[in-house]
Amino acid sequence: MRTIGLIGGMSWESTAVYYRQINEMVRTRVGGLASAKIAVQSLDFAEVVALQKSDRWDEAAALLADAAKRLEGAGADCVLICTNTMHLVADAVAASVNVPLIDIRHETGRTLKASGKKRPLLLATRYTMEHGFYADYMRDHFDIELIVPNEIDRAKVHSVIFDELCCGVVKDDSRHALEKIVQRGKDAGADCVILGCTEICLSLTDDNLALPVFDSTTIHSNAAVAHALGLDFMSEQDAG
């Protein structure tokens, strides 16, 4: 089994989800008492957020690249950035190591493409929804056109993520607000919804949503396990 390297702590709430999901997936596939080989570099989220807010993305890239190098040095056979937003610096992080970076945008995009979805609603941080790095990647690699919520709804989603979910707070009224935003996305022509922040799965499931759900955290975890076990992720998906 290959070792999975996680750049986490952004926030640690979602990193805990990665750890749990990856180990559950390995146990399901391998059986018995099997668990994943995982190395973690957990960053100080406050430091990362300060760099985000001041648009110091070069410094953020250097911070994550250093974490990736540490993971490679610890024996990781692949690296995951356990957050969608920081994939804004994914190219720099990938270039800093000799092991593959498993890109959450790529894995989510090819999952959407395999499903035939073309116009996903993106729920994510303001950075991910408003910077071009995510939408451009989906368009250029998969011919997928993202829909993002309106400005008021984008502010609400961002607030729920940073002020609540990243702090481990899950509120029913915020869940209902997100569900209404998904309904408005459907009304605007979206054919599915990407949970494009690794914390959103703490609040939303597909049970009460108006659109089919693609949870980027689960997709990313699945791809990491496939790599660790030498499997093809999309074949695994097709097999259920």
C-alpha atoms as a PDB file:
ATOM      1  CA  MET A   1       0.000   0.000   0.000  1.00  0.00           C
ATOM      2  CA  ARG A   2       1.296   3.442  -0.934  1.00  0.00           C
ATOM      3  CA  THR A   3       1.422   6.248   1.620  1.00  0.00           C
ATOM      4  CA  ILE A   4      -1.016   9.170   1.205  1.00  0.00           C
ATOM      5  CA  GLY A   5       0.300  12.616   2.110  1.00  0.00           C
ATOM      6  CA  LEU A   6      -2.242  15.161   3.372  1.00  0.00           C
ATOM      7  CA  ILE A   7      -1.626  18.903   3.610  1.00  0.00           C
ATOM      8  CA  GLY A   8      -4.281  19.627   6.206  1.00  0.00           C
ATOM      9  CA  GLY A   9      -5.388  22.034   8.885  1.00  0.00           C
ATOM     10  CA  MET A  10      -7.327  24.239   6.436  1.00  0.00           C
ATOM     11  CA  SER A  11      -9.476  23.716   8.455  1.00  0.00           C
ATOM     12  CA  TRP A  12      -8.682  20.769  10.704  1.00  0.00           C
ATOM     13  CA  GLU A  13     -12.426  20.042  10.762  1.00  0.00           C
ATOM     14  CA  SER A  14     -12.329  18.938   7.137  1.00  0.00           C
ATOM     15  CA  THR A  15      -8.943  17.235   7.538  1.00  0.00           C
ATOM     16  CA  ALA A  16     -10.583  14.982  10.127  1.00  0.00           C
ATOM     17  CA  VAL A  17     -13.201  14.101   7.495  1.00  0.00           C
ATOM     18  CA  TYR A  18     -10.425  13.159   5.058  1.00  0.00           C
ATOM     19  CA  TYR A  19      -8.751  10.942   7.660  1.00  0.00           C
ATOM     20  CA  ARG A  20     -11.987   9.161   8.497  1.00  0.00           C
ATOM     21  CA  GLN A  21     -13.145   8.743   4.891  1.00  0.00           C
ATOM     22  CA  ILE A  22      -9.805   7.470   3.613  1.00  0.00           C
ATOM     23  CA  ASN A  23      -9.545   4.880   6.362  1.00  0.00           C
ATOM     24  CA  GLU A  24     -13.161   3.777   5.903  1.00  0.00           C
ATOM     25  CA  MET A  25     -12.597   3.379   2.162  1.00  0.00           C
ATOM     26  CA  VAL A  26      -9.436   1.324   2.672  1.00  0.00           C
ATOM     27  CA  ARG A  27     -11.190  -0.920   5.194  1.00  0.00           C
ATOM     28  CA  THR A  28     -14.101  -1.426   2.779  1.00  0.00           C
ATOM     29  CA  ARG A  29     -11.821  -2.334  -0.127  1.00  0.00           C
ATOM     30  CA  VAL A  30      -9.196  -4.383   1.707  1.00  0.00           C
ATOM     31  CA  GLY A  31     -11.238  -5.767   4.591  1.00  0.00           C
ATOM     32  CA  GLY A  32     -10.319  -6.915   8.055  1.00  0.00           C
ATOM     33  CA  LEU A  33      -8.318  -4.491  10.177  1.00  0.00           C
ATOM     34  CA  ALA A  34      -6.773  -2.699   7.186  1.00  0.00           C
ATOM     35  CA  SER A  35      -6.253   1.047   7.461  1.00  0.00           C
ATOM     36  CA  ALA A  36      -4.521   3.611   5.282  1.00  0.00           C
ATOM     37  CA  LYS A  37      -0.888   4.633   5.441  1.00  0.00           C
ATOM     38  CA  ILE A  38      -1.168   8.418   5.906  1.00  0.00           C
ATOM     39  CA  ALA A  39       1.319  11.207   6.540  1.00  0.00           C
ATOM     40  CA  VAL A  40      -0.105  14.592   7.578  1.00  0.00           C
ATOM     41  CA  GLN A  41       1.304  18.099   7.591  1.00  0.00           C
ATOM     42  CA  SER A  42      -1.290  20.145   9.475  1.00  0.00           C
ATOM     43  CA  LEU A  43      -0.902  23.898   8.990  1.00  0.00           C
ATOM     44  CA  ASP A  44      -2.016  26.781  11.198  1.00  0.00           C
ATOM     45  CA  PHE A  45      -5.225  27.849   9.478  1.00  0.00           C
ATOM     46  CA  ALA A  46      -5.038  31.350  10.971  1.00  0.00           C
ATOM     47  CA  GLU A  47      -1.741  31.889   9.144  1.00  0.00           C
ATOM     48  CA  VAL A  48      -3.205  30.637   5.871  1.00  0.00           C
ATOM     49  CA  VAL A  49      -6.341  32.792   6.184  1.00  0.00           C
ATOM     50  CA  ALA A  50      -4.207  35.877   6.841  1.00  0.00           C
ATOM     51  CA  LEU A  51      -2.350  35.242   3.588  1.00  0.00           C
ATOM     52  CA  GLN A  52      -5.642  34.720   1.721  1.00  0.00           C
ATOM     53  CA  LYS A  53      -7.169  37.939   3.018  1.00  0.00           C
ATOM     54  CA  SER A  54      -4.121  40.003   2.024  1.00  0.00           C
ATOM     55  CA  ASP A  55      -3.786  38.354  -1.426  1.00  0.00           C
ATOM     56  CA  ARG A  56      -0.319  37.040  -0.551  1.00  0.00           C
ATOM     57  CA  TRP A  57      -0.784  33.948  -2.653  1.00  0.00           C
ATOM     58  CA  ASP A  58       2.940  33.573  -3.442  1.00  0.00           C
ATOM     59  CA  GLU A  59       3.658  33.256   0.264  1.00  0.00           C
ATOM     60  CA  ALA A  60       0.785  30.818   0.636  1.00  0.00           C
ATOM     61  CA  ALA A  61       2.204  28.762  -2.234  1.00  0.00           C
ATOM     62  CA  ALA A  62       5.604  28.660  -0.530  1.00  0.00           C
ATOM     63  CA  LEU A  63       3.996  27.576   2.747  1.00  0.00           C
ATOM     64  CA  LEU A  64       2.123  24.680   1.124  1.00  0.00           C
ATOM     65  CA  ALA A  65       5.099  23.733  -1.042  1.00  0.00           C
ATOM     66  CA  ASP A  66       7.204  23.390   2.098  1.00  0.00           C
ATOM     67  CA  ALA A  67       4.538  21.134   3.604  1.00  0.00           C
ATOM     68  CA  ALA A  68       4.487  19.017   0.426  1.00  0.00           C
ATOM     69  CA  LYS A  69       8.268  18.609   0.555  1.00  0.00           C
ATOM     70  CA  ARG A  70       8.041  17.505   4.179  1.00  0.00           C
ATOM     71  CA  LEU A  71       5.446  14.903   3.224  1.00  0.00           C
ATOM     72  CA  GLU A  72       7.613  13.616   0.398  1.00  0.00           C
ATOM     73  CA  GLY A  73      10.534  13.440   2.817  1.00  0.00           C
ATOM     74  CA  ALA A  74       8.358  11.445   5.225  1.00  0.00           C
ATOM     75  CA  GLY A  75       7.694   8.845   2.546  1.00  0.00           C
ATOM     76  CA  ALA A  76       4.413  10.022   0.995  1.00  0.00           C
ATOM     77  CA  ASP A  77       3.803   8.587  -2.480  1.00  0.00           C
ATOM     78  CA  CYS A  78       1.266  11.289  -3.377  1.00  0.00           C
ATOM     79  CA  VAL A  79       0.149  14.641  -1.980  1.00  0.00           C
ATOM     80  CA  LEU A  80      -3.341  16.081  -1.452  1.00  0.00           C
ATOM     81  CA  ILE A  81      -4.165  19.681  -0.595  1.00  0.00           C
ATOM     82  CA  CYS A  82      -7.135  19.112   1.724  1.00  0.00           C
ATOM     83  CA  THR A  83      -9.028  22.233   0.685  1.00  0.00           C
ATOM     84  CA  ASN A  84     -10.466  23.498  -2.593  1.00  0.00           C
ATOM     85  CA  THR A  85      -9.463  27.137  -2.127  1.00  0.00           C
ATOM     86  CA  MET A  86      -5.746  26.472  -1.836  1.00  0.00           C
ATOM     87  CA  HIS A  87      -5.761  24.735  -5.203  1.00  0.00           C
ATOM     88  CA  LEU A  88      -5.301  28.289  -6.419  1.00  0.00           C
ATOM     89  CA  VAL A  89      -1.600  27.520  -5.753  1.00  0.00           C
ATOM     90  CA  ALA A  90      -1.743  23.856  -6.809  1.00  0.00           C
ATOM     91  CA  ASP A  91       0.667  24.250  -9.736  1.00  0.00           C
ATOM     92  CA  ALA A  92       3.388  25.659  -7.497  1.00  0.00           C
ATOM     93  CA  VAL A  93       2.875  22.912  -4.927  1.00  0.00           C
ATOM     94  CA  ALA A  94       2.945  20.194  -7.598  1.00  0.00           C
ATOM     95  CA  ALA A  95       6.172  21.599  -9.024  1.00  0.00           C
ATOM     96  CA  SER A  96       7.868  21.452  -5.622  1.00  0.00           C
ATOM     97  CA  VAL A  97       7.783  17.643  -5.283  1.00  0.00           C
ATOM     98  CA  ASN A  98       8.547  14.545  -7.327  1.00  0.00           C
ATOM     99  CA  VAL A  99       5.425  12.640  -6.303  1.00  0.00           C
ATOM    100  CA  PRO A 100       2.007  13.294  -7.885  1.00  0.00           C
ATOM    101  CA  LEU A 101      -0.332  15.948  -6.538  1.00  0.00           C
ATOM    102  CA  ILE A 102      -3.876  14.592  -6.663  1.00  0.00           C
ATOM    103  CA  ASP A 103      -5.826  17.687  -7.715  1.00  0.00           C
ATOM    104  CA  ILE A 104      -9.348  18.023  -6.270  1.00  0.00           C
ATOM    105  CA  ARG A 105     -10.491  20.026  -9.313  1.00  0.00           C
ATOM    106  CA  HIS A 106      -9.335  17.333 -11.715  1.00  0.00           C
ATOM    107  CA  GLU A 107     -10.918  14.485  -9.795  1.00  0.00           C
ATOM    108  CA  THR A 108     -14.198  16.372  -9.366  1.00  0.00           C
ATOM    109  CA  GLY A 109     -14.211  17.444 -13.001  1.00  0.00           C
ATOM    110  CA  ARG A 110     -13.701  13.987 -14.425  1.00  0.00           C
ATOM    111  CA  THR A 111     -16.342  12.595 -12.086  1.00  0.00           C
ATOM    112  CA  LEU A 112     -18.793  15.189 -13.387  1.00  0.00           C
ATOM    113  CA  LYS A 113     -17.826  14.483 -16.984  1.00  0.00           C
ATOM    114  CA  ALA A 114     -18.311  10.737 -16.495  1.00  0.00           C
ATOM    115  CA  SER A 115     -21.795  11.448 -15.135  1.00  0.00           C
ATOM    116  CA  GLY A 116     -22.703  13.638 -18.105  1.00  0.00           C
ATOM    117  CA  LYS A 117     -23.213  16.767 -16.001  1.00  0.00           C
ATOM    118  CA  LYS A 118     -22.430  20.063 -17.707  1.00  0.00           C
ATOM    119  CA  ARG A 119     -23.648  22.970 -15.553  1.00  0.00           C
ATOM    120  CA  PRO A 120     -22.868  22.450 -11.872  1.00  0.00           C
ATOM    121  CA  LEU A 121     -23.670  24.965  -9.183  1.00  0.00           C
ATOM    122  CA  LEU A 122     -20.522  25.619  -7.143  1.00  0.00           C
ATOM    123  CA  LEU A 123     -20.834  26.129  -3.384  1.00  0.00           C
ATOM    124  CA  ALA A 124     -17.482  27.164  -1.967  1.00  0.00           C
ATOM    125  CA  THR A 125     -15.534  29.979  -0.341  1.00  0.00           C
ATOM    126  CA  ARG A 126     -15.651  33.392  -1.961  1.00  0.00           C
ATOM    127  CA  TYR A 127     -12.098  32.828  -3.234  1.00  0.00           C
ATOM    128  CA  THR A 128     -13.055  29.611  -5.020  1.00  0.00           C
ATOM    129  CA  MET A 129     -16.326  30.984  -6.405  1.00  0.00           C
ATOM    130  CA  GLU A 130     -14.937  34.330  -7.559  1.00  0.00           C
ATOM    131  CA  HIS A 131     -11.333  33.665  -8.633  1.00  0.00           C
ATOM    132  CA  GLY A 132     -11.008  32.191 -12.096  1.00  0.00           C
ATOM    133  CA  PHE A 133      -8.753  29.293 -11.108  1.00  0.00           C
ATOM    134  CA  TYR A 134     -11.604  26.825 -10.466  1.00  0.00           C
ATOM    135  CA  ALA A 135     -14.019  27.796 -13.228  1.00  0.00           C
ATOM    136  CA  ASP A 136     -11.230  28.082 -15.811  1.00  0.00           C
ATOM    137  CA  TYR A 137      -9.895  24.644 -14.893  1.00  0.00           C
ATOM    138  CA  MET A 138     -13.321  23.028 -15.290  1.00  0.00           C
ATOM    139  CA  ARG A 139     -13.918  24.781 -18.617  1.00  0.00           C
ATOM    140  CA  ASP A 140     -10.465  24.136 -20.073  1.00  0.00           C
ATOM    141  CA  HIS A 141     -10.116  20.491 -19.005  1.00  0.00           C
ATOM    142  CA  PHE A 142     -13.679  19.199 -19.074  1.00  0.00           C
ATOM    143  CA  ASP A 143     -15.840  21.668 -21.051  1.00  0.00           C
ATOM    144  CA  ILE A 144     -17.913  22.238 -17.901  1.00  0.00           C
ATOM    145  CA  GLU A 145     -19.486  25.638 -17.278  1.00  0.00           C
ATOM    146  CA  LEU A 146     -19.899  26.450 -13.608  1.00  0.00           C
ATOM    147  CA  ILE A 147     -22.793  28.408 -12.158  1.00  0.00           C
ATOM    148  CA  VAL A 148     -22.100  30.395  -8.998  1.00  0.00           C
ATOM    149  CA  PRO A 149     -24.674  31.888  -6.619  1.00  0.00           C
ATOM    150  CA  ASN A 150     -25.502  35.595  -6.758  1.00  0.00           C
ATOM    151  CA  GLU A 151     -23.468  38.055  -4.687  1.00  0.00           C
ATOM    152  CA  ILE A 152     -25.720  37.891  -1.608  1.00  0.00           C
ATOM    153  CA  ASP A 153     -25.772  34.114  -1.668  1.00  0.00           C
ATOM    154  CA  ARG A 154     -21.993  33.937  -2.201  1.00  0.00           C
ATOM    155  CA  ALA A 155     -21.518  36.055   0.910  1.00  0.00           C
ATOM    156  CA  LYS A 156     -23.828  33.752   2.863  1.00  0.00           C
ATOM    157  CA  VAL A 157     -22.029  30.585   1.768  1.00  0.00           C
ATOM    158  CA  HIS A 158     -18.640  32.127   2.599  1.00  0.00           C
ATOM    159  CA  SER A 159     -19.871  33.201   6.028  1.00  0.00           C
ATOM    160  CA  VAL A 160     -21.285  29.773   6.848  1.00  0.00           C
ATOM    161  CA  ILE A 161     -17.983  28.167   5.900  1.00  0.00           C
ATOM    162  CA  PHE A 162     -15.608  30.467   7.796  1.00  0.00           C
ATOM    163  CA  ASP A 163     -17.726  31.613  10.725  1.00  0.00           C
ATOM    164  CA  GLU A 164     -19.404  28.297  11.447  1.00  0.00           C
ATOM    165  CA  LEU A 165     -18.210  25.105   9.761  1.00  0.00           C
ATOM    166  CA  CYS A 166     -14.496  25.841  10.088  1.00  0.00           C
ATOM    167  CA  CYS A 167     -15.160  26.344  13.801  1.00  0.00           C
ATOM    168  CA  GLY A 168     -17.060  23.073  14.123  1.00  0.00           C
ATOM    169  CA  VAL A 169     -20.450  24.802  14.341  1.00  0.00           C
ATOM    170  CA  VAL A 170     -23.327  23.293  12.333  1.00  0.00           C
ATOM    171  CA  LYS A 171     -26.582  25.260  12.444  1.00  0.00           C
ATOM    172  CA  ASP A 172     -29.956  24.115  11.145  1.00  0.00           C
ATOM    173  CA  ASP A 173     -30.880  27.594   9.913  1.00  0.00           C
ATOM    174  CA  SER A 174     -27.658  27.804   7.911  1.00  0.00           C
ATOM    175  CA  ARG A 175     -28.316  24.373   6.432  1.00  0.00           C
ATOM    176  CA  HIS A 176     -31.771  25.528   5.354  1.00  0.00           C
ATOM    177  CA  ALA A 177     -30.255  28.691   3.838  1.00  0.00           C
ATOM    178  CA  LEU A 178     -27.795  26.591   1.817  1.00  0.00           C
ATOM    179  CA  GLU A 179     -30.618  24.327   0.662  1.00  0.00           C
ATOM    180  CA  LYS A 180     -32.503  27.378  -0.634  1.00  0.00           C
ATOM    181  CA  ILE A 181     -29.380  28.559  -2.473  1.00  0.00           C
ATOM    182  CA  VAL A 182     -29.184  25.160  -4.176  1.00  0.00           C
ATOM    183  CA  GLN A 183     -32.832  25.477  -5.211  1.00  0.00           C
ATOM    184  CA  ARG A 184     -32.108  28.897  -6.707  1.00  0.00           C
ATOM    185  CA  GLY A 185     -29.186  27.347  -8.584  1.00  0.00           C
ATOM    186  CA  LYS A 186     -31.513  24.734 -10.033  1.00  0.00           C
ATOM    187  CA  ASP A 187     -33.940  27.467 -11.059  1.00  0.00           C
ATOM    188  CA  ALA A 188     -31.022  29.208 -12.837  1.00  0.00           C
ATOM    189  CA  GLY A 189     -30.282  26.073 -14.881  1.00  0.00           C
ATOM    190  CA  ALA A 190     -27.786  24.100 -12.816  1.00  0.00           C
ATOM    191  CA  ASP A 191     -27.938  20.327 -13.352  1.00  0.00           C
ATOM    192  CA  CYS A 192     -26.053  19.377 -10.170  1.00  0.00           C
ATOM    193  CA  VAL A 193     -24.205  20.936  -7.229  1.00  0.00           C
ATOM    194  CA  ILE A 194     -20.528  20.697  -6.310  1.00  0.00           C
ATOM    195  CA  LEU A 195     -19.836  20.859  -2.583  1.00  0.00           C
ATOM    196  CA  GLY A 196     -16.680  22.763  -3.464  1.00  0.00           C
ATOM    197  CA  CYS A 197     -15.499  23.454   0.046  1.00  0.00           C
ATOM    198  CA  THR A 198     -14.197  20.559   2.097  1.00  0.00           C
ATOM    199  CA  GLU A 199     -16.273  21.644   5.117  1.00  0.00           C
ATOM    200  CA  ILE A 200     -19.673  21.885   3.416  1.00  0.00           C
ATOM    201  CA  CYS A 201     -20.240  18.140   3.750  1.00  0.00           C
ATOM    202  CA  LEU A 202     -20.443  18.771   7.505  1.00  0.00           C
ATOM    203  CA  SER A 203     -23.731  20.577   6.851  1.00  0.00           C
ATOM    204  CA  LEU A 204     -25.226  19.311   3.598  1.00  0.00           C
ATOM    205  CA  THR A 205     -26.062  15.856   2.323  1.00  0.00           C
ATOM    206  CA  ASP A 206     -27.976  14.878  -0.797  1.00  0.00           C
ATOM    207  CA  ASP A 207     -31.069  13.984   1.209  1.00  0.00           C
ATOM    208  CA  ASN A 208     -32.785  17.377   1.091  1.00  0.00           C
ATOM    209  CA  LEU A 209     -31.168  19.072  -1.893  1.00  0.00           C
ATOM    210  CA  ALA A 210     -32.867  19.947  -5.151  1.00  0.00           C
ATOM    211  CA  LEU A 211     -29.896  18.819  -7.271  1.00  0.00           C
ATOM    212  CA  PRO A 212     -27.632  15.755  -7.512  1.00  0.00           C
ATOM    213  CA  VAL A 213     -24.637  16.234  -5.194  1.00  0.00           C
ATOM    214  CA  PHE A 214     -20.942  15.885  -5.978  1.00  0.00           C
ATOM    215  CA  ASP A 215     -19.021  16.123  -2.719  1.00  0.00           C
ATOM    216  CA  SER A 216     -15.468  17.148  -3.602  1.00  0.00           C
ATOM    217  CA  THR A 217     -14.084  15.857  -0.293  1.00  0.00           C
ATOM    218  CA  THR A 218     -15.396  12.342  -0.862  1.00  0.00           C
ATOM    219  CA  ILE A 219     -14.278  12.367  -4.502  1.00  0.00           C
ATOM    220  CA  HIS A 220     -10.785  13.516  -3.472  1.00  0.00           C
ATOM    221  CA  SER A 221     -10.535  10.891  -0.729  1.00  0.00           C
ATOM    222  CA  ASN A 222     -11.661   8.193  -3.158  1.00  0.00           C
ATOM    223  CA  ALA A 223      -8.970   9.191  -5.655  1.00  0.00           C
ATOM    224  CA  ALA A 224      -6.301   9.090  -2.930  1.00  0.00           C
ATOM    225  CA  VAL A 225      -7.339   5.577  -1.889  1.00  0.00           C
ATOM    226  CA  ALA A 226      -7.372   4.405  -5.498  1.00  0.00           C
ATOM    227  CA  HIS A 227      -3.817   5.689  -5.881  1.00  0.00           C
ATOM    228  CA  ALA A 228      -2.706   4.090  -2.627  1.00  0.00           C
ATOM    229  CA  LEU A 229      -4.136   0.714  -3.618  1.00  0.00           C
ATOM    230  CA  GLY A 230      -3.062   0.886  -7.260  1.00  0.00           C
ATOM    231  CA  LEU A 231      -6.639   1.056  -8.537  1.00  0.00           C
ATOM    232  CA  ASP A 232      -8.276   3.161 -11.237  1.00  0.00           C
ATOM    233  CA  PHE A 233     -10.530   5.681  -9.524  1.00  0.00           C
ATOM    234  CA  MET A 234     -13.090   5.971 -12.293  1.00  0.00           C
ATOM    235  CA  SER A 235     -13.348   2.189 -12.643  1.00  0.00           C
ATOM    236  CA  GLU A 236     -13.908   2.006  -8.915  1.00  0.00           C
ATOM    237  CA  GLN A 237     -16.659   4.627  -9.194  1.00  0.00           C
ATOM    238  CA  ASP A 238     -18.346   2.832 -12.063  1.00  0.00           C
ATOM    239  CA  ALA A 239     -18.314  -0.344 -10.006  1.00  0.00           C
ATOM    240  CA  GLY A 240     -20.018   1.495  -7.156  1.00  0.00           C
END
